[in-house]
């Protein structure tokens, strides 16, 4: 059996289309999307529509949660602030019916034809947990408590890696739309079944990044989403992390003195 697993598309339609063209050449038996189709680049709704046309299983990532729960009792107050402007932009692209579909997506996905495989976005207990190589065993055990499958595939970190843990193998896909390893190619994972388990092949597909950057300009995305939209643009252009590092520094700076997001961005760009 061959499975193609895509994660972290983040509204980057050109990258998504390029990966799908490559995937079709590999003739997989199954395509799975492991979350975060939406929010980042400007085309969340178009990416959702394209994913729906595939008829493939989709796991709900943290950005699907933001979009589908926005304005409900499950929303957090911070989602209505400037910091979540890209989420607000994405929410406006969807109907209530579409958002209900997104909310109903599963947080974990087993594959009936592959009972030794589990797909999640980040972990079993959370859609926002990272898994760096130095993660302590006890923390991993809490992240994947109760998992019986030997093979676990996840996204969220935007960095392709394989993590051996106890008797299990945890594979993190690269990101389709916002890779973070310095290579702007759209990345995904191919799994081939073998008598001893899964053989993983990380794929990187070159695409015309200028098409995505032009979409940022044509939609006036940065103008309408502000500081956080500009950081998403930098991530798409550089294939390097800016969004999370900026927020970490911003929280540190706020402990010292009041600071607007715009002032923090100026400091971030000038210092780093």
C-alpha atoms as a PDB file:
ATOM      1  CA  UNK A   1       0.000   0.000   0.000  1.00  0.00           C
ATOM      2  CA  UNK A   2       1.193   3.516  -0.793  1.00  0.00           C
ATOM      3  CA  UNK A   3      -0.094   6.550   1.119  1.00  0.00           C
ATOM      4  CA  UNK A   4       0.637  10.218   0.455  1.00  0.00           C
ATOM      5  CA  UNK A   5       0.307  12.412   3.550  1.00  0.00           C
ATOM      6  CA  UNK A   6       0.166  16.190   3.180  1.00  0.00           C
ATOM      7  CA  UNK A   7       0.208  18.680   6.050  1.00  0.00           C
ATOM      8  CA  UNK A   8       0.480  22.400   6.719  1.00  0.00           C
ATOM      9  CA  UNK A   9      -0.779  23.752   3.410  1.00  0.00           C
ATOM     10  CA  UNK A  10      -1.711  27.036   5.110  1.00  0.00           C
ATOM     11  CA  UNK A  11      -3.662  28.630   2.284  1.00  0.00           C
ATOM     12  CA  UNK A  12      -0.822  28.314  -0.235  1.00  0.00           C
ATOM     13  CA  UNK A  13      -2.769  27.200  -3.283  1.00  0.00           C
ATOM     14  CA  UNK A  14       0.143  27.143  -5.749  1.00  0.00           C
ATOM     15  CA  UNK A  15       2.161  24.850  -3.454  1.00  0.00           C
ATOM     16  CA  UNK A  16      -0.863  22.607  -2.882  1.00  0.00           C
ATOM     17  CA  UNK A  17      -1.526  22.269  -6.614  1.00  0.00           C
ATOM     18  CA  UNK A  18       2.135  21.459  -7.309  1.00  0.00           C
ATOM     19  CA  UNK A  19       2.193  18.748  -4.641  1.00  0.00           C
ATOM     20  CA  UNK A  20      -1.011  17.186  -5.915  1.00  0.00           C
ATOM     21  CA  UNK A  21       0.411  17.026  -9.443  1.00  0.00           C
ATOM     22  CA  UNK A  22       3.472  15.247  -8.053  1.00  0.00           C
ATOM     23  CA  UNK A  23       1.357  12.961  -5.871  1.00  0.00           C
ATOM     24  CA  UNK A  24      -0.683  11.789  -8.844  1.00  0.00           C
ATOM     25  CA  UNK A  25       2.511  10.694 -10.580  1.00  0.00           C
ATOM     26  CA  UNK A  26       3.293   8.476  -7.567  1.00  0.00           C
ATOM     27  CA  UNK A  27      -0.070   6.667  -7.878  1.00  0.00           C
ATOM     28  CA  UNK A  28      -0.851   6.374  -4.153  1.00  0.00           C
ATOM     29  CA  UNK A  29      -3.689   4.203  -2.910  1.00  0.00           C
ATOM     30  CA  UNK A  30      -4.686   6.885  -0.429  1.00  0.00           C
ATOM     31  CA  UNK A  31      -4.151  10.617   0.120  1.00  0.00           C
ATOM     32  CA  UNK A  32      -4.470  11.973   3.662  1.00  0.00           C
ATOM     33  CA  UNK A  33      -4.286  15.604   4.772  1.00  0.00           C
ATOM     34  CA  UNK A  34      -2.909  15.949   8.307  1.00  0.00           C
ATOM     35  CA  UNK A  35      -4.261  19.387   9.167  1.00  0.00           C
ATOM     36  CA  UNK A  36      -3.646  23.106   8.734  1.00  0.00           C
ATOM     37  CA  UNK A  37      -5.065  23.519   5.267  1.00  0.00           C
ATOM     38  CA  UNK A  38      -6.026  27.061   6.191  1.00  0.00           C
ATOM     39  CA  UNK A  39      -4.558  30.364   7.475  1.00  0.00           C
ATOM     40  CA  UNK A  40      -1.175  31.669   6.377  1.00  0.00           C
ATOM     41  CA  UNK A  41      -1.159  32.496   2.669  1.00  0.00           C
ATOM     42  CA  UNK A  42      -4.281  34.181   1.239  1.00  0.00           C
ATOM     43  CA  UNK A  43      -6.168  31.243  -0.316  1.00  0.00           C
ATOM     44  CA  UNK A  44      -7.647  29.259   2.568  1.00  0.00           C
ATOM     45  CA  UNK A  45     -11.067  28.792   0.941  1.00  0.00           C
ATOM     46  CA  UNK A  46      -9.584  27.699  -2.382  1.00  0.00           C
ATOM     47  CA  UNK A  47      -7.351  25.164  -0.608  1.00  0.00           C
ATOM     48  CA  UNK A  48     -10.336  23.838   1.334  1.00  0.00           C
ATOM     49  CA  UNK A  49     -12.342  23.498  -1.880  1.00  0.00           C
ATOM     50  CA  UNK A  50      -9.510  21.670  -3.620  1.00  0.00           C
ATOM     51  CA  UNK A  51      -9.112  19.319  -0.663  1.00  0.00           C
ATOM     52  CA  UNK A  52     -12.849  18.604  -0.669  1.00  0.00           C
ATOM     53  CA  UNK A  53     -12.689  17.699  -4.354  1.00  0.00           C
ATOM     54  CA  UNK A  54     -10.183  14.948  -3.535  1.00  0.00           C
ATOM     55  CA  UNK A  55     -12.615  13.130  -1.269  1.00  0.00           C
ATOM     56  CA  UNK A  56      -9.734  12.216   1.021  1.00  0.00           C
ATOM     57  CA  UNK A  57      -9.595  12.021   4.833  1.00  0.00           C
ATOM     58  CA  UNK A  58      -8.616  15.269   6.558  1.00  0.00           C
ATOM     59  CA  UNK A  59      -7.416  15.691  10.137  1.00  0.00           C
ATOM     60  CA  UNK A  60      -8.333  18.914  11.922  1.00  0.00           C
ATOM     61  CA  UNK A  61      -5.311  21.051  12.761  1.00  0.00           C
ATOM     62  CA  UNK A  62      -5.098  23.977  15.144  1.00  0.00           C
ATOM     63  CA  UNK A  63      -5.806  26.473  12.355  1.00  0.00           C
ATOM     64  CA  UNK A  64      -8.942  24.583  11.338  1.00  0.00           C
ATOM     65  CA  UNK A  65      -9.971  24.817  14.985  1.00  0.00           C
ATOM     66  CA  UNK A  66      -9.420  28.590  15.019  1.00  0.00           C
ATOM     67  CA  UNK A  67     -11.439  29.079  11.837  1.00  0.00           C
ATOM     68  CA  UNK A  68     -14.295  26.737  12.698  1.00  0.00           C
ATOM     69  CA  UNK A  69     -14.670  27.754  16.362  1.00  0.00           C
ATOM     70  CA  UNK A  70     -14.244  31.504  15.778  1.00  0.00           C
ATOM     71  CA  UNK A  71     -17.251  33.369  17.154  1.00  0.00           C
ATOM     72  CA  UNK A  72     -18.541  30.344  19.096  1.00  0.00           C
ATOM     73  CA  UNK A  73     -18.493  29.464  22.793  1.00  0.00           C
ATOM     74  CA  UNK A  74     -15.261  27.581  22.141  1.00  0.00           C
ATOM     75  CA  UNK A  75     -13.417  30.670  20.902  1.00  0.00           C
ATOM     76  CA  UNK A  76     -10.730  32.384  22.954  1.00  0.00           C
ATOM     77  CA  UNK A  77     -10.775  36.136  23.511  1.00  0.00           C
ATOM     78  CA  UNK A  78      -7.337  36.572  21.914  1.00  0.00           C
ATOM     79  CA  UNK A  79      -8.717  35.328  18.595  1.00  0.00           C
ATOM     80  CA  UNK A  80     -10.482  38.691  18.196  1.00  0.00           C
ATOM     81  CA  UNK A  81      -7.263  40.680  18.556  1.00  0.00           C
ATOM     82  CA  UNK A  82      -4.791  41.979  15.991  1.00  0.00           C
ATOM     83  CA  UNK A  83      -2.586  38.964  16.672  1.00  0.00           C
ATOM     84  CA  UNK A  84      -5.173  36.711  15.006  1.00  0.00           C
ATOM     85  CA  UNK A  85      -5.895  38.929  11.999  1.00  0.00           C
ATOM     86  CA  UNK A  86      -4.901  36.156   9.513  1.00  0.00           C
ATOM     87  CA  UNK A  87      -7.448  33.863  11.180  1.00  0.00           C
ATOM     88  CA  UNK A  88     -10.101  36.564  10.901  1.00  0.00           C
ATOM     89  CA  UNK A  89      -9.237  36.947   7.197  1.00  0.00           C
ATOM     90  CA  UNK A  90      -9.681  33.206   6.665  1.00  0.00           C
ATOM     91  CA  UNK A  91     -12.936  33.045   8.624  1.00  0.00           C
ATOM     92  CA  UNK A  92     -14.457  35.634   6.277  1.00  0.00           C
ATOM     93  CA  UNK A  93     -13.827  33.318   3.308  1.00  0.00           C
ATOM     94  CA  UNK A  94     -16.077  30.529   4.608  1.00  0.00           C
ATOM     95  CA  UNK A  95     -19.805  30.028   4.977  1.00  0.00           C
ATOM     96  CA  UNK A  96     -21.223  28.836   8.281  1.00  0.00           C
ATOM     97  CA  UNK A  97     -21.934  25.471   6.673  1.00  0.00           C
ATOM     98  CA  UNK A  98     -18.326  25.110   5.576  1.00  0.00           C
ATOM     99  CA  UNK A  99     -17.085  26.040   9.014  1.00  0.00           C
ATOM    100  CA  UNK A 100     -19.366  23.378  10.506  1.00  0.00           C
ATOM    101  CA  UNK A 101     -17.803  20.836   8.126  1.00  0.00           C
ATOM    102  CA  UNK A 102     -14.351  21.918   9.256  1.00  0.00           C
ATOM    103  CA  UNK A 103     -15.307  21.700  12.940  1.00  0.00           C
ATOM    104  CA  UNK A 104     -16.467  18.115  12.421  1.00  0.00           C
ATOM    105  CA  UNK A 105     -13.086  16.922  11.141  1.00  0.00           C
ATOM    106  CA  UNK A 106     -11.436  14.249  13.322  1.00  0.00           C
ATOM    107  CA  UNK A 107      -8.449  15.092  15.507  1.00  0.00           C
ATOM    108  CA  UNK A 108      -6.896  11.673  14.928  1.00  0.00           C
ATOM    109  CA  UNK A 109      -7.220   9.304  12.012  1.00  0.00           C
ATOM    110  CA  UNK A 110      -6.758   5.563  11.834  1.00  0.00           C
ATOM    111  CA  UNK A 111      -6.497   3.861   8.465  1.00  0.00           C
ATOM    112  CA  UNK A 112      -8.616   0.665   8.293  1.00  0.00           C
ATOM    113  CA  UNK A 113      -6.384  -0.823   5.590  1.00  0.00           C
ATOM    114  CA  UNK A 114      -3.307  -0.008   7.699  1.00  0.00           C
ATOM    115  CA  UNK A 115      -4.152  -0.790  11.337  1.00  0.00           C
ATOM    116  CA  UNK A 116      -0.579  -0.087  12.490  1.00  0.00           C
ATOM    117  CA  UNK A 117      -0.753   3.571  11.338  1.00  0.00           C
ATOM    118  CA  UNK A 118      -2.161   6.640  13.108  1.00  0.00           C
ATOM    119  CA  UNK A 119      -2.290  10.164  11.651  1.00  0.00           C
ATOM    120  CA  UNK A 120      -2.587  13.267  13.850  1.00  0.00           C
ATOM    121  CA  UNK A 121      -1.834  16.938  13.370  1.00  0.00           C
ATOM    122  CA  UNK A 122       0.470  17.520  16.353  1.00  0.00           C
ATOM    123  CA  UNK A 123      -0.232  14.904  19.024  1.00  0.00           C
ATOM    124  CA  UNK A 124      -3.124  12.854  20.357  1.00  0.00           C
ATOM    125  CA  UNK A 125      -3.851  15.203  23.244  1.00  0.00           C
ATOM    126  CA  UNK A 126      -3.311  18.545  21.480  1.00  0.00           C
ATOM    127  CA  UNK A 127      -3.267  20.115  18.020  1.00  0.00           C
ATOM    128  CA  UNK A 128      -0.479  22.553  19.015  1.00  0.00           C
ATOM    129  CA  UNK A 129       2.369  20.472  20.473  1.00  0.00           C
ATOM    130  CA  UNK A 130       5.784  20.461  18.866  1.00  0.00           C
ATOM    131  CA  UNK A 131       8.109  17.453  18.857  1.00  0.00           C
ATOM    132  CA  UNK A 132      11.747  18.586  18.664  1.00  0.00           C
ATOM    133  CA  UNK A 133      14.439  15.878  18.723  1.00  0.00           C
ATOM    134  CA  UNK A 134      15.304  16.542  22.375  1.00  0.00           C
ATOM    135  CA  UNK A 135      11.759  15.984  23.687  1.00  0.00           C
ATOM    136  CA  UNK A 136      11.920  13.913  26.922  1.00  0.00           C
ATOM    137  CA  UNK A 137      10.483  10.411  26.860  1.00  0.00           C
ATOM    138  CA  UNK A 138       7.902  11.207  29.525  1.00  0.00           C
ATOM    139  CA  UNK A 139       6.597  14.152  27.524  1.00  0.00           C
ATOM    140  CA  UNK A 140       6.245  12.046  24.389  1.00  0.00           C
ATOM    141  CA  UNK A 141       4.419   9.401  26.410  1.00  0.00           C
ATOM    142  CA  UNK A 142       1.909  12.043  27.525  1.00  0.00           C
ATOM    143  CA  UNK A 143       1.527  13.354  23.978  1.00  0.00           C
ATOM    144  CA  UNK A 144       0.695   9.905  22.599  1.00  0.00           C
ATOM    145  CA  UNK A 145      -0.915   8.225  25.579  1.00  0.00           C
ATOM    146  CA  UNK A 146      -3.037   5.204  24.669  1.00  0.00           C
ATOM    147  CA  UNK A 147      -1.720   4.882  21.117  1.00  0.00           C
ATOM    148  CA  UNK A 148      -1.444   1.242  20.078  1.00  0.00           C
ATOM    149  CA  UNK A 149      -0.298   1.806  16.505  1.00  0.00           C
ATOM    150  CA  UNK A 150       3.417   1.355  15.888  1.00  0.00           C
ATOM    151  CA  UNK A 151       3.640   4.118  13.281  1.00  0.00           C
ATOM    152  CA  UNK A 152       2.483   7.690  13.928  1.00  0.00           C
ATOM    153  CA  UNK A 153       2.521  10.431  11.292  1.00  0.00           C
ATOM    154  CA  UNK A 154       2.093  14.054  12.268  1.00  0.00           C
ATOM    155  CA  UNK A 155       2.571  17.563  10.851  1.00  0.00           C
ATOM    156  CA  UNK A 156       2.559  20.895  12.692  1.00  0.00           C
ATOM    157  CA  UNK A 157       6.330  21.384  13.073  1.00  0.00           C
ATOM    158  CA  UNK A 158       6.927  22.245   9.378  1.00  0.00           C
ATOM    159  CA  UNK A 159      10.171  20.234   9.523  1.00  0.00           C
ATOM    160  CA  UNK A 160      10.568  16.738   8.106  1.00  0.00           C
ATOM    161  CA  UNK A 161      12.076  14.278  10.570  1.00  0.00           C
ATOM    162  CA  UNK A 162      11.736  10.761  11.957  1.00  0.00           C
ATOM    163  CA  UNK A 163      11.656  10.147  15.707  1.00  0.00           C
ATOM    164  CA  UNK A 164      12.199   6.648  17.103  1.00  0.00           C
ATOM    165  CA  UNK A 165      10.365   6.303  20.411  1.00  0.00           C
ATOM    166  CA  UNK A 166      10.216   3.070  22.392  1.00  0.00           C
ATOM    167  CA  UNK A 167       8.715   0.481  20.015  1.00  0.00           C
ATOM    168  CA  UNK A 168       7.176   3.162  17.800  1.00  0.00           C
ATOM    169  CA  UNK A 169       8.213   5.397  14.930  1.00  0.00           C
ATOM    170  CA  UNK A 170       6.922   8.977  14.824  1.00  0.00           C
ATOM    171  CA  UNK A 171       7.291  10.661  11.434  1.00  0.00           C
ATOM    172  CA  UNK A 172       6.818  14.410  11.036  1.00  0.00           C
ATOM    173  CA  UNK A 173       5.965  15.519   7.517  1.00  0.00           C
ATOM    174  CA  UNK A 174       7.434  18.617   5.958  1.00  0.00           C
ATOM    175  CA  UNK A 175       5.037  21.459   5.179  1.00  0.00           C
ATOM    176  CA  UNK A 176       3.334  21.875   1.821  1.00  0.00           C
ATOM    177  CA  UNK A 177       2.731  25.598   2.096  1.00  0.00           C
ATOM    178  CA  UNK A 178       5.136  26.960   4.712  1.00  0.00           C
ATOM    179  CA  UNK A 179       8.289  24.814   4.974  1.00  0.00           C
ATOM    180  CA  UNK A 180      10.733  25.939   7.658  1.00  0.00           C
ATOM    181  CA  UNK A 181      14.019  24.284   6.669  1.00  0.00           C
ATOM    182  CA  UNK A 182      15.263  26.931   4.241  1.00  0.00           C
ATOM    183  CA  UNK A 183      14.041  25.024   1.195  1.00  0.00           C
ATOM    184  CA  UNK A 184      10.964  26.741  -0.293  1.00  0.00           C
ATOM    185  CA  UNK A 185       9.901  23.597  -2.168  1.00  0.00           C
ATOM    186  CA  UNK A 186       6.503  22.193  -1.166  1.00  0.00           C
ATOM    187  CA  UNK A 187       7.029  19.134   1.013  1.00  0.00           C
ATOM    188  CA  UNK A 188       4.999  16.028   1.772  1.00  0.00           C
ATOM    189  CA  UNK A 189       5.422  12.376   2.801  1.00  0.00           C
ATOM    190  CA  UNK A 190       5.120   9.122   0.890  1.00  0.00           C
ATOM    191  CA  UNK A 191       4.648   5.901   2.844  1.00  0.00           C
ATOM    192  CA  UNK A 192       5.127   2.500   1.229  1.00  0.00           C
ATOM    193  CA  UNK A 193       4.034  -0.608   3.073  1.00  0.00           C
ATOM    194  CA  UNK A 194       6.669  -3.336   3.467  1.00  0.00           C
ATOM    195  CA  UNK A 195       6.646  -6.672   5.334  1.00  0.00           C
ATOM    196  CA  UNK A 196       8.470  -4.994   8.237  1.00  0.00           C
ATOM    197  CA  UNK A 197       6.503  -1.740   8.416  1.00  0.00           C
ATOM    198  CA  UNK A 198       6.399   1.517   6.490  1.00  0.00           C
ATOM    199  CA  UNK A 199       9.137   2.915   4.285  1.00  0.00           C
ATOM    200  CA  UNK A 200       8.988   6.721   4.474  1.00  0.00           C
ATOM    201  CA  UNK A 201      10.145   9.017   1.675  1.00  0.00           C
ATOM    202  CA  UNK A 202      10.106  12.750   2.294  1.00  0.00           C
ATOM    203  CA  UNK A 203       9.316  14.600  -0.921  1.00  0.00           C
ATOM    204  CA  UNK A 204      10.157  18.181  -1.943  1.00  0.00           C
ATOM    205  CA  UNK A 205       8.396  19.597  -4.994  1.00  0.00           C
ATOM    206  CA  UNK A 206       9.663  22.768  -6.637  1.00  0.00           C
ATOM    207  CA  UNK A 207       6.925  25.243  -7.546  1.00  0.00           C
ATOM    208  CA  UNK A 208       6.728  28.854  -8.651  1.00  0.00           C
ATOM    209  CA  UNK A 209       6.961  30.700  -5.341  1.00  0.00           C
ATOM    210  CA  UNK A 210       6.377  33.982  -7.178  1.00  0.00           C
ATOM    211  CA  UNK A 211       2.782  32.892  -7.830  1.00  0.00           C
ATOM    212  CA  UNK A 212       2.197  32.711  -4.086  1.00  0.00           C
ATOM    213  CA  UNK A 213       3.973  35.993  -3.418  1.00  0.00           C
ATOM    214  CA  UNK A 214       1.875  37.640  -6.125  1.00  0.00           C
ATOM    215  CA  UNK A 215      -1.267  36.379  -4.375  1.00  0.00           C
ATOM    216  CA  UNK A 216      -0.156  38.163  -1.205  1.00  0.00           C
ATOM    217  CA  UNK A 217       0.164  41.367  -3.243  1.00  0.00           C
ATOM    218  CA  UNK A 218      -3.000  40.992  -5.335  1.00  0.00           C
ATOM    219  CA  UNK A 219      -5.210  40.354  -2.310  1.00  0.00           C
ATOM    220  CA  UNK A 220      -3.586  43.149  -0.262  1.00  0.00           C
ATOM    221  CA  UNK A 221      -3.141  40.467   2.376  1.00  0.00           C
ATOM    222  CA  UNK A 222      -0.487  42.217   4.448  1.00  0.00           C
ATOM    223  CA  UNK A 223      -2.391  45.500   4.317  1.00  0.00           C
ATOM    224  CA  UNK A 224      -5.491  43.752   5.676  1.00  0.00           C
ATOM    225  CA  UNK A 225      -3.901  41.363   8.185  1.00  0.00           C
ATOM    226  CA  UNK A 226      -1.142  43.606   9.500  1.00  0.00           C
ATOM    227  CA  UNK A 227       1.917  42.450  11.396  1.00  0.00           C
ATOM    228  CA  UNK A 228       1.059  38.768  11.513  1.00  0.00           C
ATOM    229  CA  UNK A 229       0.218  38.679   7.818  1.00  0.00           C
ATOM    230  CA  UNK A 230       3.592  40.223   7.051  1.00  0.00           C
ATOM    231  CA  UNK A 231       5.306  37.522   9.086  1.00  0.00           C
ATOM    232  CA  UNK A 232       3.441  34.831   7.147  1.00  0.00           C
ATOM    233  CA  UNK A 233       4.659  36.491   3.946  1.00  0.00           C
ATOM    234  CA  UNK A 234       8.255  36.374   5.226  1.00  0.00           C
ATOM    235  CA  UNK A 235       7.868  32.704   6.089  1.00  0.00           C
ATOM    236  CA  UNK A 236       6.574  31.877   2.620  1.00  0.00           C
ATOM    237  CA  UNK A 237       9.355  33.873   0.957  1.00  0.00           C
ATOM    238  CA  UNK A 238      12.247  32.596   3.092  1.00  0.00           C
ATOM    239  CA  UNK A 239      11.126  29.101   4.148  1.00  0.00           C
ATOM    240  CA  UNK A 240      12.252  30.038   7.652  1.00  0.00           C
ATOM    241  CA  UNK A 241      10.361  30.564  10.933  1.00  0.00           C
ATOM    242  CA  UNK A 242       9.354  34.110  11.849  1.00  0.00           C
ATOM    243  CA  UNK A 243       5.809  33.939  13.241  1.00  0.00           C
ATOM    244  CA  UNK A 244       6.485  31.935  16.422  1.00  0.00           C
ATOM    245  CA  UNK A 245       9.934  33.426  17.167  1.00  0.00           C
ATOM    246  CA  UNK A 246       8.439  36.904  16.864  1.00  0.00           C
ATOM    247  CA  UNK A 247       5.590  36.079  19.264  1.00  0.00           C
ATOM    248  CA  UNK A 248       8.011  34.652  21.823  1.00  0.00           C
ATOM    249  CA  UNK A 249      10.103  37.811  21.740  1.00  0.00           C
ATOM    250  CA  UNK A 250       6.995  39.974  21.838  1.00  0.00           C
ATOM    251  CA  UNK A 251       5.820  38.294  25.044  1.00  0.00           C
ATOM    252  CA  UNK A 252       9.252  38.864  26.603  1.00  0.00           C
ATOM    253  CA  UNK A 253       9.252  42.518  25.584  1.00  0.00           C
ATOM    254  CA  UNK A 254       5.741  43.055  26.968  1.00  0.00           C
ATOM    255  CA  UNK A 255       6.981  42.013  30.393  1.00  0.00           C
ATOM    256  CA  UNK A 256       9.415  44.922  30.290  1.00  0.00           C
ATOM    257  CA  UNK A 257       7.135  47.683  28.930  1.00  0.00           C
ATOM    258  CA  UNK A 258       3.922  48.180  26.925  1.00  0.00           C
ATOM    259  CA  UNK A 259       4.533  47.628  23.219  1.00  0.00           C
ATOM    260  CA  UNK A 260       2.249  47.467  20.196  1.00  0.00           C
ATOM    261  CA  UNK A 261       2.565  44.702  17.625  1.00  0.00           C
ATOM    262  CA  UNK A 262       3.753  47.234  15.052  1.00  0.00           C
ATOM    263  CA  UNK A 263       6.443  48.573  17.379  1.00  0.00           C
ATOM    264  CA  UNK A 264       7.493  45.016  18.182  1.00  0.00           C
ATOM    265  CA  UNK A 265       7.758  44.147  14.493  1.00  0.00           C
ATOM    266  CA  UNK A 266       9.982  47.180  13.873  1.00  0.00           C
ATOM    267  CA  UNK A 267      12.225  46.086  16.738  1.00  0.00           C
ATOM    268  CA  UNK A 268      12.264  42.489  15.490  1.00  0.00           C
ATOM    269  CA  UNK A 269      13.209  43.464  11.925  1.00  0.00           C
ATOM    270  CA  UNK A 270      15.822  45.981  13.021  1.00  0.00           C
ATOM    271  CA  UNK A 271      17.512  43.729  15.557  1.00  0.00           C
ATOM    272  CA  UNK A 272      17.256  40.413  13.746  1.00  0.00           C
END
